[in-house]
Amino acid sequence: MILGSIGILFPAWLPDSPVLPAEDGIVESLQVILLVATGAFWFGAARTALHLGPFYQIFGTLAIASAIGESQDSIQQTLNIHFSFLYIPLIIFALIKFFAHKKHLGAFIARLTSHPAAGFFASAFIMIYVLARFLGTSLLWKASLGDNYHSDIPLTVSAYLELLACYFLLIGTIGLCLTPQPHDITAID
């Protein structure tokens, strides 16, 4: 856990390149990799979760949708379509899964909130929606740094906080998905 948090700073050790800002380059790529890995864990654990499996698939879909959101610029350049069209099948899949299995929502929420992974998920959302927004404002950095202010600082700080949040989402997902399930059909006796 500690090594992973330190490893998140890996892009900061790369040489500066004016054509590769932090948010558009390696940091964004690492965010996408972590979110795709998170989605893979959710989908991989869905079968062993039995009646809670569809909610694992919904969370996997949310992780994939987040990865699409992080790679929106490269998707638009590569596929020549607006990235939001890729959300349509994901939304349809998630809604079908939800409405077909909504009677198990309470059990899933109880499982999710009673597991230590909930702390990682809460920390990730606080980093993305509170800290990254607060520390990613130029007013804060202009007031703090004065004449030493550079316009890339808020964007870089926000990008690194989002990267750390993606790492926390992955760690929480791994912890939740690898927890032994009662009546696991794949377990060896």
Protein backbone atom coordinates (compact mmCIF):
# COMPACT_ATOMS: atom_id res chain seq x y z
CA MET A 1 0.00 0.00 0.00
CA ILE A 2 2.75 2.46 0.96
CA LEU A 3 4.91 1.51 -2.03
CA GLY A 4 1.94 1.96 -4.34
CA SER A 5 1.21 5.40 -2.94
CA ILE A 6 4.85 6.37 -3.47
CA GLY A 7 4.79 4.80 -6.93
CA ILE A 8 1.94 7.13 -7.85
CA LEU A 9 4.55 9.88 -7.88
CA PHE A 10 6.46 8.06 -10.67
CA PRO A 11 5.40 10.52 -13.40
CA ALA A 12 6.87 13.39 -11.37
CA TRP A 13 10.31 11.83 -11.77
CA LEU A 14 10.04 11.80 -15.56
CA PRO A 15 11.90 14.56 -17.44
CA ASP A 16 9.88 17.67 -18.25
CA SER A 17 8.43 17.81 -21.72
CA PRO A 18 6.45 20.79 -22.97
CA VAL A 19 4.39 18.60 -25.32
CA LEU A 20 3.38 16.16 -22.56
CA PRO A 21 1.64 17.94 -19.66
CA ALA A 22 0.86 15.81 -16.64
CA GLU A 23 -2.91 15.56 -17.12
CA ASP A 24 -2.70 14.68 -20.82
CA GLY A 25 0.23 12.30 -20.63
CA ILE A 26 1.49 9.63 -18.30
CA VAL A 27 -0.72 10.58 -15.32
CA GLU A 28 -3.89 10.27 -17.38
CA SER A 29 -2.66 6.99 -18.85
CA LEU A 30 -1.99 5.61 -15.38
CA GLN A 31 -5.47 6.69 -14.29
CA VAL A 32 -6.99 4.80 -17.19
CA ILE A 33 -4.90 1.69 -16.44
CA LEU A 34 -5.92 1.73 -12.77
CA LEU A 35 -9.60 2.23 -13.61
CA VAL A 36 -9.59 -0.57 -16.20
CA ALA A 37 -7.89 -2.87 -13.67
CA THR A 38 -10.55 -1.89 -11.12
CA GLY A 39 -13.29 -2.76 -13.59
CA ALA A 40 -11.60 -6.08 -14.36
CA PHE A 41 -11.59 -7.00 -10.66
CA TRP A 42 -15.27 -6.12 -10.32
CA PHE A 43 -16.22 -8.21 -13.33
CA GLY A 44 -13.91 -11.04 -12.30
CA ALA A 45 -15.42 -11.31 -8.82
CA ALA A 46 -19.02 -11.08 -10.01
CA ARG A 47 -19.43 -14.83 -10.50
CA THR A 48 -18.29 -15.75 -7.01
CA ALA A 49 -20.49 -13.07 -5.46
CA LEU A 50 -23.61 -15.04 -6.48
CA HIS A 51 -26.73 -12.86 -5.98
CA LEU A 52 -24.56 -9.76 -5.42
CA GLY A 53 -22.68 -10.38 -8.68
CA PRO A 54 -24.84 -8.07 -10.81
CA PHE A 55 -23.94 -5.16 -8.53
CA TYR A 56 -20.27 -6.06 -8.91
CA GLN A 57 -20.85 -5.87 -12.67
CA ILE A 58 -22.52 -2.47 -12.27
CA PHE A 59 -19.51 -1.20 -10.33
CA GLY A 60 -17.25 -2.67 -13.02
CA THR A 61 -19.28 -0.77 -15.59
CA LEU A 62 -18.83 2.45 -13.58
CA ALA A 63 -15.07 1.88 -13.50
CA ILE A 64 -14.98 1.33 -17.26
CA ALA A 65 -17.11 4.46 -17.77
CA SER A 66 -14.64 6.42 -15.62
CA ALA A 67 -11.77 5.11 -17.72
CA ILE A 68 -13.58 6.27 -20.86
CA GLY A 69 -14.06 9.69 -19.27
CA GLU A 70 -10.35 9.95 -18.46
CA SER A 71 -9.34 9.00 -22.00
CA GLN A 72 -11.93 11.12 -23.77
CA ASP A 73 -9.43 13.15 -25.81
CA SER A 74 -7.61 10.14 -27.20
CA ILE A 75 -10.92 8.37 -27.94
CA GLN A 76 -12.19 11.34 -29.92
CA GLN A 77 -8.95 11.57 -31.89
CA THR A 78 -8.74 7.84 -32.58
CA LEU A 79 -12.35 6.89 -33.28
CA ASN A 80 -13.58 10.22 -34.66
CA ILE A 81 -16.75 9.96 -32.55
CA HIS A 82 -17.81 11.83 -29.47
CA PHE A 83 -16.78 9.78 -26.43
CA SER A 84 -20.21 10.14 -24.79
CA PHE A 85 -21.68 7.68 -27.32
CA LEU A 86 -19.62 4.95 -25.63
CA TYR A 87 -21.62 5.50 -22.45
CA ILE A 88 -24.91 4.42 -24.03
CA PRO A 89 -24.29 0.63 -23.98
CA LEU A 90 -22.75 0.91 -20.50
CA ILE A 91 -25.79 2.74 -19.15
CA ILE A 92 -28.17 0.25 -20.76
CA PHE A 93 -26.20 -2.70 -19.34
CA ALA A 94 -26.11 -1.18 -15.83
CA LEU A 95 -29.83 -0.34 -15.86
CA ILE A 96 -30.81 -3.83 -17.02
CA LYS A 97 -28.65 -5.42 -14.31
CA PHE A 98 -29.99 -3.07 -11.65
CA PHE A 99 -33.69 -3.49 -12.40
CA ALA A 100 -33.37 -7.26 -12.83
CA HIS A 101 -31.67 -7.65 -9.42
CA LYS A 102 -32.78 -4.64 -7.35
CA LYS A 103 -34.17 -6.92 -4.61
CA HIS A 104 -30.55 -7.66 -3.58
CA LEU A 105 -29.53 -3.99 -3.40
CA GLY A 106 -29.83 -3.89 0.39
CA ALA A 107 -27.58 -6.92 0.81
CA PHE A 108 -25.00 -5.37 -1.51
CA ILE A 109 -25.05 -2.05 0.33
CA ALA A 110 -24.69 -3.88 3.66
CA ARG A 111 -21.73 -5.86 2.31
CA LEU A 112 -20.09 -2.81 0.79
CA THR A 113 -20.45 -0.55 3.81
CA SER A 114 -19.40 -3.18 6.35
CA HIS A 115 -16.13 -3.94 4.54
CA PRO A 116 -12.92 -1.92 5.14
CA ALA A 117 -12.89 -1.16 1.40
CA ALA A 118 -15.62 1.41 2.05
CA GLY A 119 -12.95 3.62 3.64
CA PHE A 120 -10.84 3.45 0.49
CA PHE A 121 -13.86 4.28 -1.68
CA ALA A 122 -14.83 7.21 0.57
CA SER A 123 -11.24 8.49 0.55
CA ALA A 124 -11.10 8.28 -3.24
CA PHE A 125 -14.32 10.23 -3.66
CA ILE A 126 -13.19 12.87 -1.16
CA MET A 127 -9.94 13.24 -3.10
CA ILE A 128 -11.71 13.59 -6.43
CA TYR A 129 -14.67 15.76 -5.46
CA VAL A 130 -13.27 17.82 -2.59
CA LEU A 131 -9.48 17.95 -2.49
CA ALA A 132 -8.87 17.97 -6.24
CA ARG A 133 -11.45 20.73 -6.69
CA PHE A 134 -10.09 22.79 -3.79
CA LEU A 135 -6.38 22.26 -4.45
CA GLY A 136 -6.92 22.48 -8.20
CA THR A 137 -8.03 26.11 -8.13
CA SER A 138 -5.66 28.71 -9.45
CA LEU A 139 -6.71 31.26 -6.79
CA LEU A 140 -5.22 29.11 -4.02
CA TRP A 141 -1.90 28.68 -5.79
CA LYS A 142 -1.68 32.33 -6.90
CA ALA A 143 -2.20 33.42 -3.31
CA SER A 144 0.27 30.85 -1.96
CA LEU A 145 3.07 31.19 -4.51
CA GLY A 146 2.77 34.79 -5.60
CA ASP A 147 5.28 35.51 -8.36
CA ASN A 148 6.39 31.86 -8.50
CA TYR A 149 2.95 30.75 -9.70
CA HIS A 150 2.80 28.73 -12.93
CA SER A 151 -0.49 27.94 -14.69
CA ASP A 152 0.23 24.17 -14.79
CA ILE A 153 0.39 23.81 -11.00
CA PRO A 154 -3.37 23.51 -10.28
CA LEU A 155 -3.87 21.07 -13.14
CA THR A 156 -0.90 18.96 -12.06
CA VAL A 157 -1.99 18.85 -8.41
CA SER A 158 -5.53 17.91 -9.43
CA ALA A 159 -4.23 15.20 -11.78
CA TYR A 160 -2.04 13.62 -9.09
CA LEU A 161 -4.88 13.62 -6.57
CA GLU A 162 -7.13 11.93 -9.12
CA LEU A 163 -4.37 9.38 -9.78
CA LEU A 164 -4.07 8.62 -6.08
CA ALA A 165 -7.87 8.32 -5.89
CA CYS A 166 -7.83 5.81 -8.77
CA TYR A 167 -5.21 3.82 -6.86
CA PHE A 168 -7.39 3.84 -3.74
CA LEU A 169 -10.35 2.64 -5.80
CA LEU A 170 -8.23 -0.24 -7.08
CA ILE A 171 -6.97 -1.18 -3.61
CA GLY A 172 -10.49 -1.05 -2.14
CA THR A 173 -11.85 -3.11 -5.02
CA ILE A 174 -9.15 -5.74 -4.66
CA GLY A 175 -9.84 -5.97 -0.94
CA LEU A 176 -13.58 -6.34 -1.42
CA CYS A 177 -13.41 -8.69 -4.40
CA LEU A 178 -10.85 -11.05 -2.87
CA THR A 179 -12.76 -11.43 0.39
CA PRO A 180 -14.06 -15.00 0.66
CA GLN A 181 -17.75 -15.16 -0.17
CA PRO A 182 -20.20 -17.36 1.71
CA HIS A 183 -21.23 -20.32 -0.45
CA ASP A 184 -18.55 -19.61 -3.07
CA ILE A 185 -19.24 -21.90 -6.01
CA THR A 186 -15.62 -21.69 -7.17
CA ALA A 187 -14.07 -22.61 -3.80
CA ILE A 188 -12.16 -25.88 -3.44
CA ASP A 189 -13.25 -28.07 -0.56
